[in-house]
Protein backbone atom coordinates (compact mmCIF):
# COMPACT_ATOMS: atom_id res chain seq x y z
CA MET A 1 -39.57 11.55 -45.09
CA ALA A 2 -38.73 7.86 -45.19
CA LYS A 3 -35.00 8.67 -45.15
CA ASP A 4 -35.48 11.03 -42.20
CA LYS A 5 -37.29 8.31 -40.29
CA GLN A 6 -34.55 5.81 -41.11
CA ARG A 7 -31.90 8.24 -39.86
CA GLU A 8 -33.84 8.74 -36.61
CA GLU A 9 -34.06 4.97 -36.12
CA LEU A 10 -30.30 4.58 -36.69
CA ALA A 11 -29.56 7.42 -34.28
CA GLY A 12 -31.83 5.80 -31.74
CA ARG A 13 -29.99 2.50 -32.02
CA ALA A 14 -26.65 4.21 -31.44
CA GLU A 15 -27.98 6.11 -28.45
CA ASN A 16 -29.53 2.97 -26.96
CA ALA A 17 -26.13 1.27 -27.17
CA ILE A 18 -24.74 3.86 -24.76
CA ASN A 19 -24.93 2.61 -21.20
CA THR A 20 -26.33 5.74 -19.54
CA PHE A 21 -29.39 6.72 -17.58
CA SER A 22 -29.36 10.19 -19.11
CA ARG A 23 -27.23 11.86 -21.75
CA PRO A 24 -23.44 11.96 -21.20
CA SER A 25 -23.57 15.74 -21.34
CA GLU A 26 -25.62 15.69 -18.13
CA LEU A 27 -23.25 13.41 -16.21
CA LYS A 28 -21.74 15.01 -13.09
CA ILE A 29 -19.34 13.83 -10.38
CA THR A 30 -21.15 13.91 -7.04
CA ASP A 31 -18.78 12.15 -4.62
CA MET A 32 -15.37 10.56 -4.09
CA ARG A 33 -14.92 7.75 -1.59
CA LEU A 34 -12.04 5.43 -0.78
CA ALA A 35 -11.22 2.17 0.94
CA VAL A 36 -7.64 1.25 1.84
CA VAL A 37 -6.81 -2.43 1.35
CA CYS A 38 -4.02 -3.78 3.55
CA SER A 39 -1.58 -5.66 1.34
CA ASN A 40 2.14 -6.09 0.72
CA TYR A 41 1.77 -2.42 -0.21
CA ASP A 42 -1.52 -0.76 0.73
CA TYR A 43 -4.03 -0.17 -2.09
CA PRO A 44 -6.08 3.04 -1.63
CA ILE A 45 -9.05 2.22 -3.90
CA ILE A 46 -11.03 5.12 -5.38
CA ARG A 47 -14.72 5.26 -6.28
CA LEU A 48 -16.04 8.31 -8.18
CA ASP A 49 -19.82 8.54 -7.93
CA THR A 50 -22.07 10.46 -10.33
CA ASN A 51 -25.61 11.79 -10.55
CA GLN A 52 -26.48 8.72 -12.62
CA ASP A 53 -26.33 5.06 -11.64
CA VAL A 54 -22.73 4.70 -12.78
CA TYR A 55 -19.38 5.16 -11.04
CA GLY A 56 -15.71 4.88 -11.91
CA ILE A 57 -12.98 3.03 -10.04
CA GLY A 58 -9.27 3.66 -9.76
CA GLU A 59 -6.55 3.53 -7.13
CA VAL A 60 -3.75 5.58 -5.67
CA ARG A 61 -0.36 4.02 -6.25
CA ASP A 62 0.63 1.17 -3.94
CA ALA A 63 1.90 2.43 -0.56
CA GLY A 64 0.35 5.82 -1.25
CA HIS A 65 -2.32 7.50 0.87
CA ARG A 66 -6.03 8.13 0.39
CA GLU A 67 -5.34 11.84 0.86
CA ASN A 68 -3.30 11.82 -2.36
CA ALA A 69 -6.67 11.57 -4.16
CA LEU A 70 -9.00 13.27 -1.69
CA GLN A 71 -7.10 16.55 -1.96
CA TYR A 72 -8.62 16.97 -5.44
CA LYS A 73 -12.23 16.21 -4.47
CA SER A 74 -13.38 19.84 -4.25
CA MET A 75 -12.06 20.42 -7.79
CA LEU A 76 -13.89 17.41 -9.23
CA LEU A 77 -17.35 17.80 -7.67
CA GLY A 78 -19.85 18.95 -10.27
CA GLN A 79 -17.54 18.25 -13.20
CA ASN A 80 -18.51 16.07 -16.15
CA PRO A 81 -16.15 13.06 -15.95
CA CYS A 82 -16.22 12.71 -19.73
CA ASN A 83 -13.98 15.79 -19.93
CA VAL A 84 -10.96 13.74 -18.93
CA ASP A 85 -8.27 15.91 -20.45
CA MET A 86 -9.68 19.14 -19.00
CA ILE A 87 -9.85 17.66 -15.50
CA PHE A 88 -6.40 16.09 -15.83
CA ARG A 89 -4.85 19.41 -16.87
CA ALA A 90 -6.44 21.09 -13.85
CA ILE A 91 -5.12 18.66 -11.24
CA LYS A 92 -1.77 17.53 -12.68
CA PRO A 93 0.19 20.63 -11.50
CA PHE A 94 -0.39 19.47 -7.91
CA GLY A 95 1.11 16.00 -8.39
CA ASN A 96 4.77 15.08 -8.14
CA TRP A 97 7.25 12.21 -8.39
CA GLY A 98 6.72 8.79 -6.81
CA ARG A 99 3.68 8.26 -4.64
CA GLU A 100 2.83 11.97 -4.85
CA GLY A 101 1.73 11.31 -8.42
CA GLY A 102 -0.61 8.57 -7.24
CA GLY A 103 -3.68 10.73 -6.66
CA VAL A 104 -3.66 12.37 -10.08
CA SER A 105 -2.89 9.06 -11.78
CA GLY A 106 -5.48 7.03 -9.88
CA LEU A 107 -8.22 9.56 -10.58
CA GLU A 108 -7.37 9.48 -14.28
CA LEU A 109 -8.08 5.73 -14.22
CA ALA A 110 -11.45 6.30 -12.53
CA LEU A 111 -12.40 8.94 -15.11
CA TRP A 112 -11.61 6.66 -18.05
CA ASP A 113 -13.49 3.81 -16.35
CA LEU A 114 -16.52 6.08 -16.09
CA VAL A 115 -16.31 7.16 -19.71
CA GLY A 116 -15.93 3.58 -20.86
CA LYS A 117 -18.98 2.47 -18.90
CA VAL A 118 -21.04 5.40 -20.14
CA TYR A 119 -20.29 4.69 -23.80
CA GLY A 120 -19.96 0.92 -23.54
CA VAL A 121 -16.34 0.95 -24.77
CA PRO A 122 -13.20 -0.73 -23.34
CA CYS A 123 -10.59 1.78 -22.19
CA TYR A 124 -7.94 0.77 -24.70
CA GLN A 125 -10.14 2.26 -27.42
CA PHE A 126 -9.68 5.74 -25.93
CA LEU A 127 -5.91 5.26 -26.28
CA GLY A 128 -6.15 4.71 -30.03
CA GLY A 129 -6.98 1.01 -30.15
CA LYS A 130 -4.82 -2.02 -29.52
CA TYR A 131 -1.70 -3.52 -31.05
CA ARG A 132 -2.13 -6.91 -29.39
CA ASP A 133 -4.80 -9.13 -27.84
CA ARG A 134 -2.60 -10.63 -25.12
CA ILE A 135 -0.23 -8.95 -22.68
CA ARG A 136 2.96 -10.66 -21.56
CA LEU A 137 3.60 -10.63 -17.81
CA TYR A 138 6.83 -10.63 -15.91
CA ALA A 139 6.69 -11.89 -12.36
CA ASP A 140 8.14 -10.12 -9.35
CA THR A 141 9.99 -12.61 -7.13
CA PRO A 142 10.81 -11.55 -3.55
CA GLU A 143 14.13 -12.38 -1.97
CA PRO A 144 14.16 -15.68 -0.04
CA GLU A 145 14.62 -15.63 3.72
CA GLU A 146 18.09 -17.09 3.37
CA PRO A 147 19.55 -15.30 0.34
CA THR A 148 21.72 -18.11 -0.97
CA PRO A 149 22.03 -18.73 -4.72
CA GLU A 150 20.23 -22.07 -4.30
CA ALA A 151 17.32 -20.46 -2.43
CA PHE A 152 17.00 -17.75 -5.06
CA ALA A 153 16.91 -20.36 -7.82
CA GLN A 154 14.23 -22.37 -6.04
CA ARG A 155 12.06 -19.29 -5.54
CA VAL A 156 12.31 -18.32 -9.19
CA LYS A 157 11.50 -21.86 -10.35
CA GLN A 158 8.19 -21.56 -8.50
CA ARG A 159 7.25 -18.82 -10.96
CA LEU A 160 7.74 -21.30 -13.81
CA ASP A 161 5.04 -23.46 -12.22
CA LEU A 162 2.62 -20.58 -12.85
CA GLY A 163 3.40 -20.68 -16.54
CA LEU A 164 5.40 -17.46 -16.55
CA THR A 165 8.29 -17.11 -18.96
CA PHE A 166 9.56 -13.66 -17.92
CA ILE A 167 10.75 -13.35 -14.32
CA LYS A 168 12.22 -10.56 -12.20
CA PHE A 169 14.11 -11.35 -9.02
CA ASP A 170 15.57 -9.32 -6.18
CA MET A 171 19.34 -9.02 -6.15
CA ARG A 172 20.47 -6.96 -3.20
CA MET A 173 23.72 -5.60 -1.95
CA PRO A 174 25.30 -7.77 0.78
CA ARG A 175 23.92 -7.16 4.26
CA TYR A 176 25.70 -4.84 6.63
CA ASP A 177 26.65 -7.78 8.85
CA GLN A 178 28.82 -9.00 5.95
CA ARG A 179 31.39 -6.25 6.48
CA GLY A 180 34.83 -7.75 6.19
CA ASP A 181 33.50 -10.67 4.14
CA GLN A 182 31.64 -8.97 1.30
CA LEU A 183 31.70 -5.26 2.19
CA ILE A 184 34.56 -2.88 2.82
CA GLY A 185 34.34 -0.02 5.32
CA THR A 186 31.95 1.15 8.01
CA PRO A 187 28.88 3.23 7.09
CA THR A 188 28.54 6.75 8.44
CA ARG A 189 25.59 5.73 10.61
CA HIS A 190 25.41 2.85 13.06
CA GLU A 191 21.67 2.82 13.63
CA TYR A 192 19.34 1.94 10.75
CA PRO A 193 15.75 2.56 11.87
CA LEU A 194 14.36 1.83 8.39
CA GLY A 195 15.99 -1.56 8.09
CA ARG A 196 19.34 -3.13 7.49
CA ARG A 197 19.53 -2.00 3.85
CA TRP A 198 18.67 1.64 4.40
CA ARG A 199 21.56 4.04 3.90
CA ALA A 200 22.05 7.68 4.72
CA PRO A 201 23.25 9.87 1.83
CA GLY A 202 26.97 9.36 1.47
CA ASP A 203 27.04 5.84 2.88
CA GLY A 204 27.70 4.48 -0.60
CA GLN A 205 30.88 6.51 -0.78
CA VAL A 206 32.43 4.86 2.27
CA THR A 207 30.97 1.35 2.16
CA LYS A 208 32.07 -0.61 -0.90
CA ILE A 209 31.30 -4.05 -2.21
CA ASN A 210 34.42 -6.16 -2.48
CA ASP A 211 35.24 -8.94 -4.95
CA ALA A 212 33.63 -11.59 -2.72
CA GLY A 213 30.42 -9.57 -2.45
CA LEU A 214 30.29 -9.04 -6.19
CA ALA A 215 30.93 -12.74 -6.75
CA GLN A 216 28.03 -13.59 -4.42
CA MET A 217 25.64 -11.41 -6.43
CA VAL A 218 26.83 -12.95 -9.68
CA ALA A 219 26.45 -16.45 -8.21
CA VAL A 220 22.76 -15.69 -7.60
CA VAL A 221 22.27 -14.76 -11.26
CA ALA A 222 24.22 -17.81 -12.44
CA ALA A 223 22.20 -20.19 -10.25
CA ILE A 224 18.89 -18.76 -11.46
CA ARG A 225 19.89 -18.94 -15.11
CA ALA A 226 21.02 -22.55 -14.68
CA ALA A 227 17.73 -23.42 -12.97
CA VAL A 228 15.35 -21.91 -15.54
CA GLY A 229 17.30 -22.38 -18.75
CA TRP A 230 17.65 -20.03 -21.71
CA GLU A 231 14.04 -19.91 -22.86
CA VAL A 232 13.07 -17.72 -19.89
CA SER A 233 13.68 -13.96 -19.83
CA LEU A 234 15.23 -12.74 -16.57
CA CYS A 235 15.68 -9.28 -15.07
CA THR A 236 16.66 -7.90 -11.67
CA ASP A 237 14.68 -5.75 -9.28
CA HIS A 238 15.96 -2.29 -8.35
CA PHE A 239 19.08 -1.72 -6.29
CA GLY A 240 19.63 1.93 -7.11
CA HIS A 241 18.35 3.79 -4.06
CA GLY A 242 21.83 4.82 -2.99
CA MET A 243 22.84 1.21 -2.37
CA MET A 244 25.58 1.09 -5.01
CA THR A 245 27.67 3.74 -6.71
CA ALA A 246 27.66 4.05 -10.50
CA LYS A 247 31.08 2.43 -10.71
CA GLU A 248 29.97 -0.52 -8.58
CA VAL A 249 26.91 -1.00 -10.80
CA ILE A 250 29.14 -0.89 -13.86
CA ARG A 251 31.30 -3.66 -12.38
CA LEU A 252 28.17 -5.69 -11.71
CA GLY A 253 26.76 -5.05 -15.18
CA HIS A 254 29.93 -6.37 -16.79
CA ALA A 255 30.02 -9.39 -14.47
CA VAL A 256 26.48 -10.57 -15.29
CA GLU A 257 26.77 -10.13 -19.06
CA PRO A 258 27.21 -13.89 -19.70
CA TYR A 259 23.74 -14.60 -18.27
CA GLY A 260 21.71 -12.58 -20.76
CA LEU A 261 19.58 -10.46 -18.43
CA ALA A 262 16.75 -8.51 -20.05
CA TRP A 263 17.62 -5.55 -17.83
CA LEU A 264 19.05 -4.23 -14.58
CA GLU A 265 16.26 -2.21 -12.96
CA ASP A 266 16.84 1.25 -11.46
CA PRO A 267 20.63 1.01 -11.31
CA MET A 268 20.80 4.52 -9.83
CA PRO A 269 18.44 6.70 -7.74
CA TRP A 270 15.46 7.84 -9.82
CA TRP A 271 16.52 11.51 -9.89
CA ASP A 272 20.08 10.78 -11.09
CA ILE A 273 19.56 10.81 -14.85
CA ALA A 274 23.26 11.46 -15.49
CA GLY A 275 24.15 8.48 -13.30
CA HIS A 276 21.79 6.26 -15.26
CA LYS A 277 23.39 7.37 -18.50
CA GLN A 278 26.87 6.75 -17.09
CA VAL A 279 25.92 3.16 -16.30
CA THR A 280 23.97 2.59 -19.52
CA ASP A 281 26.80 3.82 -21.72
CA ALA A 282 29.37 1.68 -19.91
CA ILE A 283 27.73 -1.78 -19.91
CA SER A 284 26.16 -4.16 -22.41
CA THR A 285 23.51 -5.44 -20.03
CA PRO A 286 20.37 -3.31 -20.69
CA THR A 287 19.09 -0.88 -18.07
CA ALA A 288 15.47 0.02 -17.22
CA ALA A 289 14.15 2.82 -15.02
CA GLY A 290 11.38 5.35 -14.52
CA GLU A 291 8.89 3.96 -12.00
CA ASP A 292 9.00 7.13 -9.87
CA LEU A 293 8.99 9.72 -12.66
CA TYR A 294 5.89 11.89 -13.13
CA LEU A 295 4.38 12.93 -16.47
CA LEU A 296 6.05 13.04 -19.86
CA ASP A 297 7.90 16.14 -18.70
CA GLY A 298 9.52 14.03 -15.98
CA PHE A 299 10.69 11.46 -18.54
CA ARG A 300 11.86 13.90 -21.18
CA GLU A 301 15.52 14.16 -20.11
CA MET A 302 15.82 10.40 -19.59
CA ILE A 303 14.41 9.78 -23.05
CA GLU A 304 16.22 12.50 -24.98
CA THR A 305 19.61 11.59 -23.50
CA ARG A 306 18.91 7.85 -23.85
CA ALA A 307 19.92 7.47 -20.22
CA VAL A 308 18.37 3.97 -20.11
CA ASP A 309 17.76 1.23 -22.63
CA ILE A 310 14.16 0.51 -21.58
CA LEU A 311 11.56 2.93 -20.18
CA HIS A 312 9.86 1.57 -17.06
CA PRO A 313 6.99 3.85 -15.99
CA ASP A 314 4.44 3.00 -13.32
CA LEU A 315 1.19 4.44 -14.63
CA LEU A 316 0.05 5.16 -11.06
CA SER A 317 2.95 7.61 -10.73
CA ALA A 318 3.42 8.61 -14.36
CA GLY A 319 0.01 10.29 -14.71
CA GLY A 320 -2.35 7.48 -15.64
CA MET A 321 -3.16 5.59 -18.80
CA LEU A 322 -3.05 8.24 -21.51
CA GLU A 323 0.05 9.97 -20.11
CA THR A 324 1.88 6.62 -19.97
CA LYS A 325 0.91 6.01 -23.58
CA ARG A 326 2.36 9.46 -24.44
CA ILE A 327 5.59 8.62 -22.59
CA ALA A 328 5.96 5.32 -24.43
CA ASP A 329 5.24 6.89 -27.81
CA TYR A 330 7.79 9.65 -27.21
CA GLY A 331 10.36 7.06 -26.14
CA GLU A 332 9.72 5.08 -29.30
CA ARG A 333 10.88 8.09 -31.34
CA PHE A 334 14.29 7.65 -29.67
CA GLY A 335 14.39 3.89 -30.10
CA LEU A 336 13.42 3.08 -26.49
CA PRO A 337 10.88 0.30 -25.78
CA THR A 338 8.60 0.38 -22.74
CA ALA A 339 7.98 -2.14 -19.94
CA LEU A 340 5.38 -1.34 -17.29
CA HIS A 341 6.12 -1.36 -13.56
CA PHE A 342 3.14 -2.35 -11.40
CA ALA A 343 2.52 -3.39 -7.78
CA GLY A 344 -1.14 -2.57 -7.16
CA SER A 345 -4.58 -4.16 -7.06
CA PRO A 346 -6.53 -5.81 -9.91
CA ILE A 347 -8.06 -2.40 -10.68
CA ALA A 348 -4.78 -0.83 -11.80
CA PHE A 349 -3.78 -4.20 -13.26
CA MET A 350 -6.65 -3.90 -15.73
CA ALA A 351 -5.64 -0.31 -16.50
CA ASN A 352 -2.15 -1.58 -17.30
CA LEU A 353 -3.56 -4.21 -19.65
CA HIS A 354 -5.48 -1.57 -21.61
CA THR A 355 -2.42 0.68 -21.74
CA ALA A 356 -0.05 -2.10 -22.75
CA ALA A 357 -2.40 -3.08 -25.55
CA ALA A 358 -2.14 0.46 -27.00
CA ILE A 359 1.68 0.79 -26.83
CA PRO A 360 3.42 -0.37 -30.02
CA SER A 361 6.85 -0.67 -28.33
CA PHE A 362 5.58 -2.63 -25.30
CA VAL A 363 7.79 -5.32 -23.71
CA ALA A 364 6.10 -6.79 -20.62
CA LEU A 365 3.95 -5.90 -17.58
CA GLU A 366 4.93 -6.59 -13.98
CA HIS A 367 2.69 -8.62 -11.64
CA HIS A 368 3.43 -8.04 -7.95
CA GLY A 369 0.41 -9.86 -6.46
CA LEU A 370 1.15 -13.48 -7.27
CA ASP A 371 1.79 -14.40 -3.63
CA LEU A 372 -1.36 -12.72 -2.25
CA PRO A 373 -4.22 -15.22 -1.80
CA PHE A 374 -6.91 -12.50 -1.70
CA TRP A 375 -5.62 -10.44 -4.63
CA GLU A 376 -7.94 -11.76 -7.34
CA SER A 377 -11.02 -11.56 -5.09
CA LEU A 378 -10.84 -7.76 -4.67
CA VAL A 379 -12.79 -7.37 -7.91
CA THR A 380 -15.45 -9.16 -9.92
CA GLY A 381 -15.04 -9.76 -13.62
CA LEU A 382 -11.45 -11.04 -13.57
CA PRO A 383 -11.60 -14.36 -15.45
CA ASP A 384 -10.71 -17.60 -13.70
CA ASN A 385 -7.21 -18.73 -14.57
CA TYR A 386 -6.64 -15.34 -16.16
CA ILE A 387 -2.93 -16.05 -16.76
CA GLU A 388 -2.46 -18.25 -19.83
CA ASP A 389 1.10 -19.34 -20.64
CA GLY A 390 2.47 -16.16 -19.09
CA TYR A 391 0.01 -13.86 -20.87
CA VAL A 392 -3.30 -12.16 -19.97
CA ARG A 393 -5.98 -11.33 -22.52
CA VAL A 394 -6.88 -7.69 -23.07
CA PRO A 395 -10.27 -6.91 -21.46
CA GLU A 396 -13.19 -6.28 -23.82
CA LYS A 397 -15.80 -5.17 -21.29
CA PRO A 398 -16.68 -1.47 -20.98
CA GLY A 399 -14.32 0.73 -18.98
CA LEU A 400 -11.56 -1.09 -17.13
CA GLY A 401 -13.55 -4.31 -17.29
CA VAL A 402 -13.91 -5.17 -13.58
CA ASP A 403 -16.03 -4.02 -10.65
CA LEU A 404 -15.57 -3.80 -6.88
CA ASN A 405 -16.06 -6.86 -4.69
CA TYR A 406 -17.13 -5.08 -1.51
CA GLU A 407 -17.06 -8.20 0.65
CA ALA A 408 -13.45 -9.04 -0.21
CA ILE A 409 -12.34 -5.43 0.12
CA GLU A 410 -13.96 -5.11 3.54
CA ALA A 411 -12.27 -8.32 4.69
CA ASN A 412 -8.84 -6.84 3.90
CA LEU A 413 -9.14 -3.22 5.03
CA ARG A 414 -6.21 -1.39 6.59
CA ARG A 415 -8.64 0.37 8.93
CA PRO A 416 -12.42 0.34 9.45
CA GLY A 417 -14.25 2.26 6.77
CA LEU A 418 -15.63 0.87 3.52
CA PHE A 419 -16.10 3.78 1.12
CA GLU A 420 -17.41 5.97 3.91
CA PRO A 421 -18.49 9.62 3.36
CA THR A 422 -15.73 12.19 2.84
CA GLU A 423 -17.69 15.45 3.14
CA GLU A 424 -14.80 17.12 4.96
CA TRP A 425 -13.01 17.22 1.57
CA ASN A 426 -15.91 18.79 -0.33
CA THR A 427 -14.61 22.33 -0.03
CA PRO A 428 -11.17 23.86 0.52
CA LYS A 429 -10.38 24.89 4.08
CA LEU A 430 -9.11 28.36 3.13
CA GLY A 431 -11.87 30.86 3.83
CA PHE A 432 -10.73 33.24 1.10
CA TYR A 433 -10.75 30.57 -1.61
CA LYS A 434 -13.18 31.05 -4.48
CA PRO A 435 -13.63 28.25 -7.01
CA ASP A 436 -12.09 28.89 -10.41
CA THR A 437 -15.00 28.58 -12.85
CA ARG A 438 -12.95 29.13 -15.99
CA TRP A 439 -12.74 25.40 -16.69
CA GLY A 440 -16.28 24.52 -15.62
CA SER A 441 -18.42 24.67 -12.52
């Protein structure tokens, strides 16, 4: 009898450690609401409410839309958020590459945040535990207004003042007004409604970079390397959205070899796996890509053909935290390390920290919010001076480790509406639709 009583007391202690207001088996999703923060890229922030006094937070990928998540609301209502894998399997067939994967991925974050809060466990523990206590950052560095080598170098040096030792910088093709000086040929279109660097398909076949243009791009890299020295890791932002042909990228890759870049990002359009492999096989400068690929299935060809040197998923497109961990682990089998692309709010930033902690082959995590004065204020729980010598400590609080700062979010909304009701998404619009109860009701 004494042993039975002791066992009951121990069980009671374990149950009391769980941060719930009823048993996890009784937890149900009751609502989904969003608020869209206006930023360099909009952040559609998700809140999943439950029948208990606990909610989970996530976000659709930067520059995505609230509807990317709301389209799944009718499928989630009434479900137990602790059944993460079951819910994920139900909604993932409706996601797709790029921002179309943002709803599935952002909801996966909110589910894990809920589970972590319910059980009082940091999210990295659900991914198998952590390999490291600190996560190395690499800083995104936008192109200066006047894209001279000296201006680029000055902009990158400002990142050193923040203590960062891994820096990414934009390195674009010459502007269209440089035809005759740095470009050869006239593009097939004369009006560019999406900006001076947008190209119609086929433009890259008739507009070529000449030796002077290539030399200008190399001069940028040389100036930055001279400014920061050899103790700093450098990589370039993407230039592969049809802006350069594979052969032009190969010329560039050879030309920048003396400057020891960590990688050239997205050298070819995301869907051109063969093009990536062509470039990767031809140059010594490493390549990295994958920010727009969706799920492990989307990465499989890139990994199995070793089309890049470094995998570069964005977990808000890739399928969330656990799917990104699966991608990285599969890549490790083929000798490919993983860096994490990221350009969202502090919510997804924390999710990236948990994921990076659980990836054995992890390289570095991008930070795209360093120039946004309000970025840190969007949440509570982010430590002051959270960047230490270019690293951030892995969160130890339950769930993602931060909460919503409603005042700061409301001050930076894209449109009026702070987590307002979304009843119009509670049920499908098709009158003949009947909910599928095979996976829960």
